[in-house]
């Protein structure tokens, strides 16, 4: 078992000790970053606020009014 797996809901007690119930080799999952099976790790997704050109936005709004 990997140290990073501590606290995960998928860790169960097997005949050989604590094992991951989802993946047989959790070391490989953690080597690339965060394990995608980890239930105890929260991933933060950052979104960039899109900057909109005010002139284009007004033209789009005016075009939407004409179509009605």
PDB file of N, CA and C in Angstrom:
ATOM      1  N   UNK A   1       0.842  -1.170   0.000  1.00  0.00           N
ATOM      2  CA  UNK A   1       0.000   0.000   0.000  1.00  0.00           C
ATOM      3  C   UNK A   1       0.894   1.241   0.000  1.00  0.00           C
ATOM      4  N   UNK A   2       0.446   2.277  -0.652  1.00  0.00           N
ATOM      5  CA  UNK A   2       1.182   3.535  -0.747  1.00  0.00           C
ATOM      6  C   UNK A   2       0.711   4.459   0.369  1.00  0.00           C
ATOM      7  N   UNK A   3       1.599   5.329   0.854  1.00  0.00           N
ATOM      8  CA  UNK A   3       1.228   6.271   1.912  1.00  0.00           C
ATOM      9  C   UNK A   3       0.080   7.174   1.473  1.00  0.00           C
ATOM     10  N   UNK A   4       0.056   7.523   0.197  1.00  0.00           N
ATOM     11  CA  UNK A   4      -0.989   8.413  -0.318  1.00  0.00           C
ATOM     12  C   UNK A   4      -2.377   7.783  -0.250  1.00  0.00           C
ATOM     13  N   UNK A   5      -2.443   6.472  -0.120  1.00  0.00           N
ATOM     14  CA  UNK A   5      -3.734   5.780  -0.074  1.00  0.00           C
ATOM     15  C   UNK A   5      -4.399   5.862   1.297  1.00  0.00           C
ATOM     16  N   UNK A   6      -3.676   6.318   2.319  1.00  0.00           N
ATOM     17  CA  UNK A   6      -4.239   6.406   3.658  1.00  0.00           C
ATOM     18  C   UNK A   6      -5.460   7.321   3.658  1.00  0.00           C
ATOM     19  N   UNK A   7      -6.579   6.821   4.157  1.00  0.00           N
ATOM     20  CA  UNK A   7      -7.810   7.600   4.221  1.00  0.00           C
ATOM     21  C   UNK A   7      -8.753   7.357   3.058  1.00  0.00           C
ATOM     22  N   UNK A   8      -8.329   6.584   2.091  1.00  0.00           N
ATOM     23  CA  UNK A   8      -9.173   6.293   0.928  1.00  0.00           C
ATOM     24  C   UNK A   8     -10.226   5.250   1.299  1.00  0.00           C
ATOM     25  N   UNK A   9     -11.428   5.401   0.756  1.00  0.00           N
ATOM     26  CA  UNK A   9     -12.514   4.454   1.039  1.00  0.00           C
ATOM     27  C   UNK A   9     -12.313   3.112   0.346  1.00  0.00           C
ATOM     28  N   UNK A  10     -11.442   3.052  -0.650  1.00  0.00           N
ATOM     29  CA  UNK A  10     -11.245   1.821  -1.409  1.00  0.00           C
ATOM     30  C   UNK A  10     -10.219   0.875  -0.770  1.00  0.00           C
ATOM     31  N   UNK A  11      -9.557   1.303   0.295  1.00  0.00           N
ATOM     32  CA  UNK A  11      -8.579   0.451   0.985  1.00  0.00           C
ATOM     33  C   UNK A  11      -9.340  -0.542   1.855  1.00  0.00           C
ATOM     34  N   UNK A  12      -9.047  -1.821   1.647  1.00  0.00           N
ATOM     35  CA  UNK A  12      -9.694  -2.887   2.419  1.00  0.00           C
ATOM     36  C   UNK A  12      -8.615  -3.794   3.009  1.00  0.00           C
ATOM     37  N   UNK A  13      -8.974  -4.530   4.049  1.00  0.00           N
ATOM     38  CA  UNK A  13      -8.063  -5.498   4.649  1.00  0.00           C
ATOM     39  C   UNK A  13      -8.180  -6.812   3.897  1.00  0.00           C
ATOM     40  N   UNK A  14      -7.078  -7.225   3.290  1.00  0.00           N
ATOM     41  CA  UNK A  14      -7.041  -8.497   2.574  1.00  0.00           C
ATOM     42  C   UNK A  14      -6.221  -9.511   3.342  1.00  0.00           C
ATOM     43  N   UNK A  15      -5.971 -10.639   2.740  1.00  0.00           N
ATOM     44  CA  UNK A  15      -5.188 -11.683   3.401  1.00  0.00           C
ATOM     45  C   UNK A  15      -3.723 -11.287   3.529  1.00  0.00           C
ATOM     46  N   UNK A  16      -3.256 -10.362   2.680  1.00  0.00           N
ATOM     47  CA  UNK A  16      -1.857  -9.924   2.725  1.00  0.00           C
ATOM     48  C   UNK A  16      -1.708  -8.561   3.390  1.00  0.00           C
ATOM     49  N   UNK A  17      -2.769  -8.044   3.958  1.00  0.00           N
ATOM     50  CA  UNK A  17      -2.733  -6.732   4.611  1.00  0.00           C
ATOM     51  C   UNK A  17      -3.690  -5.774   3.918  1.00  0.00           C
ATOM     52  N   UNK A  18      -3.399  -4.499   4.034  1.00  0.00           N
ATOM     53  CA  UNK A  18      -4.265  -3.502   3.410  1.00  0.00           C
ATOM     54  C   UNK A  18      -3.982  -3.436   1.918  1.00  0.00           C
ATOM     55  N   UNK A  19      -5.043  -3.537   1.122  1.00  0.00           N
ATOM     56  CA  UNK A  19      -4.924  -3.498  -0.333  1.00  0.00           C
ATOM     57  C   UNK A  19      -5.990  -2.581  -0.910  1.00  0.00           C
ATOM     58  N   UNK A  20      -5.745  -2.139  -2.135  1.00  0.00           N
ATOM     59  CA  UNK A  20      -6.711  -1.305  -2.848  1.00  0.00           C
ATOM     60  C   UNK A  20      -7.727  -2.222  -3.529  1.00  0.00           C
ATOM     61  N   UNK A  21      -9.007  -1.936  -3.320  1.00  0.00           N
ATOM     62  CA  UNK A  21     -10.042  -2.785  -3.924  1.00  0.00           C
ATOM     63  C   UNK A  21     -10.298  -2.434  -5.387  1.00  0.00           C
ATOM     64  N   UNK A  22      -9.754  -1.302  -5.856  1.00  0.00           N
ATOM     65  CA  UNK A  22     -10.021  -0.870  -7.219  1.00  0.00           C
ATOM     66  C   UNK A  22      -8.874  -1.163  -8.180  1.00  0.00           C
ATOM     67  N   UNK A  23      -7.644  -1.168  -7.683  1.00  0.00           N
ATOM     68  CA  UNK A  23      -6.490  -1.309  -8.574  1.00  0.00           C
ATOM     69  C   UNK A  23      -5.420  -2.141  -7.877  1.00  0.00           C
ATOM     70  N   UNK A  24      -4.850  -3.137  -8.549  1.00  0.00           N
ATOM     71  CA  UNK A  24      -3.895  -4.026  -7.894  1.00  0.00           C
ATOM     72  C   UNK A  24      -2.533  -3.392  -7.601  1.00  0.00           C
ATOM     73  N   UNK A  25      -2.139  -2.349  -8.348  1.00  0.00           N
ATOM     74  CA  UNK A  25      -0.830  -1.717  -8.148  1.00  0.00           C
ATOM     75  C   UNK A  25      -1.004  -0.208  -7.988  1.00  0.00           C
ATOM     76  N   UNK A  26      -1.385   0.257  -6.803  1.00  0.00           N
ATOM     77  CA  UNK A  26      -1.641   1.684  -6.618  1.00  0.00           C
ATOM     78  C   UNK A  26      -0.399   2.559  -6.778  1.00  0.00           C
ATOM     79  N   UNK A  27       0.798   1.967  -6.669  1.00  0.00           N
ATOM     80  CA  UNK A  27       2.023   2.755  -6.858  1.00  0.00           C
ATOM     81  C   UNK A  27       2.058   3.367  -8.248  1.00  0.00           C
ATOM     82  N   UNK A  28       1.583   2.619  -9.229  1.00  0.00           N
ATOM     83  CA  UNK A  28       1.581   3.109 -10.615  1.00  0.00           C
ATOM     84  C   UNK A  28       0.591   4.256 -10.790  1.00  0.00           C
ATOM     85  N   UNK A  29      -0.523   4.203 -10.085  1.00  0.00           N
ATOM     86  CA  UNK A  29      -1.519   5.268 -10.184  1.00  0.00           C
ATOM     87  C   UNK A  29      -0.985   6.574  -9.590  1.00  0.00           C
ATOM     88  N   UNK A  30      -0.271   6.476  -8.471  1.00  0.00           N
ATOM     89  CA  UNK A  30       0.241   7.670  -7.800  1.00  0.00           C
ATOM     90  C   UNK A  30       1.502   8.206  -8.463  1.00  0.00           C
ATOM     91  N   UNK A  31       2.187   7.408  -9.290  1.00  0.00           N
ATOM     92  CA  UNK A  31       3.433   7.865  -9.907  1.00  0.00           C
ATOM     93  C   UNK A  31       3.186   8.987 -10.924  1.00  0.00           C
ATOM     94  N   UNK A  32       2.019   9.011 -11.531  1.00  0.00           N
ATOM     95  CA  UNK A  32       1.708  10.030 -12.538  1.00  0.00           C
ATOM     96  C   UNK A  32       1.046  11.262 -11.932  1.00  0.00           C
ATOM     97  N   UNK A  33       0.856  11.280 -10.635  1.00  0.00           N
ATOM     98  CA  UNK A  33       0.192  12.405  -9.974  1.00  0.00           C
ATOM     99  C   UNK A  33      -0.839  11.868  -9.004  1.00  0.00           C
ATOM    100  N   UNK A  34      -2.039  12.389  -9.073  1.00  0.00           N
ATOM    101  CA  UNK A  34      -3.113  11.954  -8.175  1.00  0.00           C
ATOM    102  C   UNK A  34      -3.797  10.721  -8.758  1.00  0.00           C
ATOM    103  N   UNK A  35      -4.042   9.749  -7.921  1.00  0.00           N
ATOM    104  CA  UNK A  35      -4.746   8.532  -8.335  1.00  0.00           C
ATOM    105  C   UNK A  35      -6.195   8.889  -8.663  1.00  0.00           C
ATOM    106  N   UNK A  36      -6.673   8.438  -9.803  1.00  0.00           N
ATOM    107  CA  UNK A  36      -8.044   8.773 -10.194  1.00  0.00           C
ATOM    108  C   UNK A  36      -9.093   7.968  -9.427  1.00  0.00           C
ATOM    109  N   UNK A  37      -8.665   6.966  -8.663  1.00  0.00           N
ATOM    110  CA  UNK A  37      -9.587   6.205  -7.832  1.00  0.00           C
ATOM    111  C   UNK A  37      -9.665   6.740  -6.408  1.00  0.00           C
ATOM    112  N   UNK A  38      -8.808   7.690  -6.055  1.00  0.00           N
ATOM    113  CA  UNK A  38      -8.730   8.204  -4.683  1.00  0.00           C
ATOM    114  C   UNK A  38     -10.023   8.912  -4.300  1.00  0.00           C
ATOM    115  N   UNK A  39     -10.611   8.477  -3.197  1.00  0.00           N
ATOM    116  CA  UNK A  39     -11.865   9.086  -2.743  1.00  0.00           C
ATOM    117  C   UNK A  39     -11.618  10.184  -1.716  1.00  0.00           C
ATOM    118  N   UNK A  40     -10.402  10.284  -1.218  1.00  0.00           N
ATOM    119  CA  UNK A  40     -10.093  11.239  -0.166  1.00  0.00           C
ATOM    120  C   UNK A  40      -9.379  12.490  -0.671  1.00  0.00           C
ATOM    121  N   UNK A  41      -9.147  12.595  -1.975  1.00  0.00           N
ATOM    122  CA  UNK A  41      -8.433  13.734  -2.545  1.00  0.00           C
ATOM    123  C   UNK A  41      -9.414  14.578  -3.350  1.00  0.00           C
ATOM    124  N   UNK A  42      -9.432  15.857  -3.061  1.00  0.00           N
ATOM    125  CA  UNK A  42     -10.298  16.785  -3.792  1.00  0.00           C
ATOM    126  C   UNK A  42      -9.467  17.466  -4.865  1.00  0.00           C
ATOM    127  N   UNK A  43      -9.971  17.509  -6.077  1.00  0.00           N
ATOM    128  CA  UNK A  43      -9.284  18.159  -7.184  1.00  0.00           C
ATOM    129  C   UNK A  43      -9.933  19.513  -7.409  1.00  0.00           C
ATOM    130  N   UNK A  44      -9.104  20.545  -7.435  1.00  0.00           N
ATOM    131  CA  UNK A  44      -9.621  21.886  -7.681  1.00  0.00           C
ATOM    132  C   UNK A  44      -9.496  22.201  -9.162  1.00  0.00           C
ATOM    133  N   UNK A  45     -10.590  22.622  -9.737  1.00  0.00           N
ATOM    134  CA  UNK A  45     -10.605  22.993 -11.144  1.00  0.00           C
ATOM    135  C   UNK A  45     -10.679  24.505 -11.220  1.00  0.00           C
ATOM    136  N   UNK A  46      -9.692  25.080 -11.880  1.00  0.00           N
ATOM    137  CA  UNK A  46      -9.653  26.530 -12.008  1.00  0.00           C
ATOM    138  C   UNK A  46     -10.207  26.916 -13.373  1.00  0.00           C
ATOM    139  N   UNK A  47     -11.058  27.912 -13.376  1.00  0.00           N
ATOM    140  CA  UNK A  47     -11.589  28.412 -14.636  1.00  0.00           C
ATOM    141  C   UNK A  47     -11.134  29.844 -14.814  1.00  0.00           C
ATOM    142  N   UNK A  48     -10.712  30.157 -16.005  1.00  0.00           N
ATOM    143  CA  UNK A  48     -10.308  31.522 -16.309  1.00  0.00           C
ATOM    144  C   UNK A  48     -11.530  32.277 -16.796  1.00  0.00           C
ATOM    145  N   UNK A  49     -11.697  33.472 -16.271  1.00  0.00           N
ATOM    146  CA  UNK A  49     -12.802  34.300 -16.735  1.00  0.00           C
ATOM    147  C   UNK A  49     -12.466  34.782 -18.140  1.00  0.00           C
ATOM    148  N   UNK A  50     -13.312  34.450 -19.066  1.00  0.00           N
ATOM    149  CA  UNK A  50     -13.074  34.824 -20.448  1.00  0.00           C
ATOM    150  C   UNK A  50     -13.314  36.318 -20.616  1.00  0.00           C
ATOM    151  N   UNK A  51     -12.354  36.968 -21.228  1.00  0.00           N
ATOM    152  CA  UNK A  51     -12.500  38.398 -21.482  1.00  0.00           C
ATOM    153  C   UNK A  51     -13.205  38.559 -22.818  1.00  0.00           C
ATOM    154  N   UNK A  52     -14.279  39.290 -22.786  1.00  0.00           N
ATOM    155  CA  UNK A  52     -15.078  39.488 -23.990  1.00  0.00           C
ATOM    156  C   UNK A  52     -14.901  40.927 -24.443  1.00  0.00           C
ATOM    157  N   UNK A  53     -14.659  41.079 -25.717  1.00  0.00           N
ATOM    158  CA  UNK A  53     -14.542  42.407 -26.298  1.00  0.00           C
ATOM    159  C   UNK A  53     -15.926  43.059 -26.223  1.00  0.00           C
ATOM    160  N   UNK A  54     -16.064  44.217 -25.571  1.00  0.00           N
ATOM    161  CA  UNK A  54     -17.379  44.849 -25.414  1.00  0.00           C
ATOM    162  C   UNK A  54     -18.036  45.204 -26.751  1.00  0.00           C
ATOM    163  N   UNK A  55     -17.242  45.558 -27.750  1.00  0.00           N
ATOM    164  CA  UNK A  55     -17.800  45.892 -29.060  1.00  0.00           C
ATOM    165  C   UNK A  55     -18.433  44.663 -29.710  1.00  0.00           C
ATOM    166  N   UNK A  56     -17.724  43.529 -29.648  1.00  0.00           N
ATOM    167  CA  UNK A  56     -18.260  42.292 -30.213  1.00  0.00           C
ATOM    168  C   UNK A  56     -19.493  41.829 -29.443  1.00  0.00           C
ATOM    169  N   UNK A  57     -19.481  42.011 -28.131  1.00  0.00           N
ATOM    170  CA  UNK A  57     -20.614  41.598 -27.308  1.00  0.00           C
ATOM    171  C   UNK A  57     -21.849  42.405 -27.666  1.00  0.00           C
ATOM    172  N   UNK A  58     -21.685  43.710 -27.889  1.00  0.00           N
ATOM    173  CA  UNK A  58     -22.840  44.538 -28.247  1.00  0.00           C
ATOM    174  C   UNK A  58     -23.360  44.174 -29.630  1.00  0.00           C
ATOM    175  N   UNK A  59     -22.467  43.844 -30.554  1.00  0.00           N
ATOM    176  CA  UNK A  59     -22.895  43.441 -31.901  1.00  0.00           C
ATOM    177  C   UNK A  59     -23.644  42.107 -31.844  1.00  0.00           C
ATOM    178  N   UNK A  60     -23.174  41.185 -31.001  1.00  0.00           N
ATOM    179  CA  UNK A  60     -23.873  39.904 -30.849  1.00  0.00           C
ATOM    180  C   UNK A  60     -25.265  40.110 -30.280  1.00  0.00           C
ATOM    181  N   UNK A  61     -25.362  40.970 -29.293  1.00  0.00           N
ATOM    182  CA  UNK A  61     -26.655  41.241 -28.668  1.00  0.00           C
ATOM    183  C   UNK A  61     -27.599  41.891 -29.658  1.00  0.00           C
ATOM    184  N   UNK A  62     -27.075  42.806 -30.481  1.00  0.00           N
ATOM    185  CA  UNK A  62     -27.911  43.482 -31.481  1.00  0.00           C
ATOM    186  C   UNK A  62     -28.357  42.488 -32.553  1.00  0.00           C
ATOM    187  N   UNK A  63     -27.467  41.536 -32.902  1.00  0.00           N
ATOM    188  CA  UNK A  63     -27.800  40.525 -33.910  1.00  0.00           C
ATOM    189  C   UNK A  63     -28.870  39.574 -33.406  1.00  0.00           C
ATOM    190  N   UNK A  64     -28.873  39.304 -32.128  1.00  0.00           N
ATOM    191  CA  UNK A  64     -29.875  38.407 -31.546  1.00  0.00           C
ATOM    192  C   UNK A  64     -31.245  39.062 -31.536  1.00  0.00           C
ATOM    193  N   UNK A  65     -31.273  40.377 -31.376  1.00  0.00           N
ATOM    194  CA  UNK A  65     -32.551  41.103 -31.369  1.00  0.00           C
ATOM    195  C   UNK A  65     -33.148  41.156 -32.769  1.00  0.00           C
ATOM    196  N   UNK A  66     -32.316  41.237 -33.801  1.00  0.00           N
ATOM    197  CA  UNK A  66     -32.808  41.316 -35.180  1.00  0.00           C
ATOM    198  C   UNK A  66     -33.447  39.999 -35.621  1.00  0.00           C
ATOM    199  N   UNK A  67     -32.933  38.892 -35.146  1.00  0.00           N
ATOM    200  CA  UNK A  67     -33.428  37.570 -35.569  1.00  0.00           C
ATOM    201  C   UNK A  67     -34.834  37.296 -35.075  1.00  0.00           C
ATOM    202  N   UNK A  68     -35.252  37.925 -34.008  1.00  0.00           N
ATOM    203  CA  UNK A  68     -36.582  37.661 -33.452  1.00  0.00           C
ATOM    204  C   UNK A  68     -37.612  38.270 -34.271  1.00  0.00           C
TER     205      UNK A  68
END
